[in-house]
Amino acid sequence: MIQQKQIERPFDLLAYYIGREVKVTCKAYKEYEISGKLLAFDQHKNLVLELNEEGKTKTKFLNGDNVLFIEEN
């Protein structure tokens, strides 16, 4: 569990999530969730996730404009 004093800015929490499994709630035409290991992010909330789909590891880019929530999985 992360300590409260380690979080001074919102991006501190995202930096804490690097390398961890997260669940991202997105909204495009409809709301949906995607889970995977957070590999990278930028100031626009663009995310790079590593997903395990059908026994294969895939890397996906999520556009930050569509990201609603990010939480540890």
Protein backbone atom coordinates (compact mmCIF):
# COMPACT_ATOMS: atom_id res chain seq x y z
CA MET A 1 0.00 0.00 0.00
CA ILE A 2 1.30 3.44 -0.88
CA GLN A 3 1.89 5.95 1.89
CA GLN A 4 -0.17 9.15 1.79
CA LYS A 5 2.91 11.39 2.07
CA GLN A 6 4.42 9.81 -1.06
CA ILE A 7 1.62 11.34 -3.13
CA GLU A 8 2.07 15.05 -3.66
CA ARG A 9 0.82 15.27 -7.25
CA PRO A 10 -1.59 13.13 -9.29
CA PHE A 11 1.23 11.83 -11.50
CA ASP A 12 3.04 10.52 -8.40
CA LEU A 13 0.31 7.90 -8.15
CA LEU A 14 0.72 6.94 -11.82
CA ALA A 15 4.48 6.65 -11.31
CA TYR A 16 3.78 4.31 -8.37
CA TYR A 17 1.65 2.13 -10.69
CA ILE A 18 4.48 1.61 -13.24
CA GLY A 19 5.13 -2.13 -13.50
CA ARG A 20 1.92 -2.98 -11.59
CA GLU A 21 -1.38 -4.42 -12.77
CA VAL A 22 -3.98 -1.68 -13.21
CA LYS A 23 -7.59 -1.46 -14.34
CA VAL A 24 -8.35 1.46 -16.65
CA THR A 25 -11.89 2.66 -17.26
CA CYS A 26 -12.22 4.34 -20.65
CA LYS A 27 -14.98 6.01 -22.58
CA ALA A 28 -15.14 6.13 -26.35
CA TYR A 29 -18.59 5.39 -27.74
CA LYS A 30 -19.39 3.49 -24.56
CA GLU A 31 -17.66 2.95 -21.23
CA TYR A 32 -15.34 -0.07 -20.99
CA GLU A 33 -12.54 -1.43 -18.80
CA ILE A 34 -9.15 -2.79 -19.75
CA SER A 35 -6.64 -4.41 -17.39
CA GLY A 36 -2.91 -4.86 -17.78
CA LYS A 37 0.53 -3.92 -16.52
CA LEU A 38 1.23 -0.18 -16.78
CA LEU A 39 4.47 0.31 -18.69
CA ALA A 40 4.46 4.07 -19.36
CA PHE A 41 2.39 7.27 -19.28
CA ASP A 42 2.77 10.93 -20.20
CA GLN A 43 1.33 14.28 -19.14
CA HIS A 44 -1.76 13.73 -21.36
CA LYS A 45 -2.66 10.46 -19.57
CA ASN A 46 -1.67 8.49 -22.66
CA LEU A 47 -0.91 5.01 -21.34
CA VAL A 48 1.06 2.00 -22.53
CA LEU A 49 -0.24 -1.28 -21.12
CA GLU A 50 1.05 -4.82 -21.42
CA LEU A 51 -1.89 -7.22 -21.80
CA ASN A 52 -2.13 -10.99 -21.68
CA GLU A 53 -4.70 -11.98 -24.29
CA GLU A 54 -5.29 -15.57 -25.32
CA GLY A 55 -1.94 -16.64 -23.86
CA LYS A 56 -0.02 -13.96 -25.77
CA THR A 57 1.53 -10.79 -24.41
CA LYS A 58 0.50 -7.67 -26.31
CA THR A 59 1.43 -4.03 -25.87
CA LYS A 60 -1.41 -1.51 -26.24
CA PHE A 61 -1.50 2.28 -26.38
CA LEU A 62 -4.48 4.04 -24.77
CA ASN A 63 -5.30 7.60 -25.76
CA GLY A 64 -5.45 9.77 -22.64
CA ASP A 65 -8.54 11.61 -23.90
CA ASN A 66 -10.52 8.41 -23.36
CA VAL A 67 -9.19 7.57 -19.87
CA LEU A 68 -11.70 8.10 -17.05
CA PHE A 69 -10.21 6.15 -14.12
CA ILE A 70 -7.02 4.29 -13.31
CA GLU A 71 -6.84 1.99 -10.30
CA GLU A 72 -4.58 -0.75 -9.02
CA ASN A 73 -5.92 -4.16 -9.94
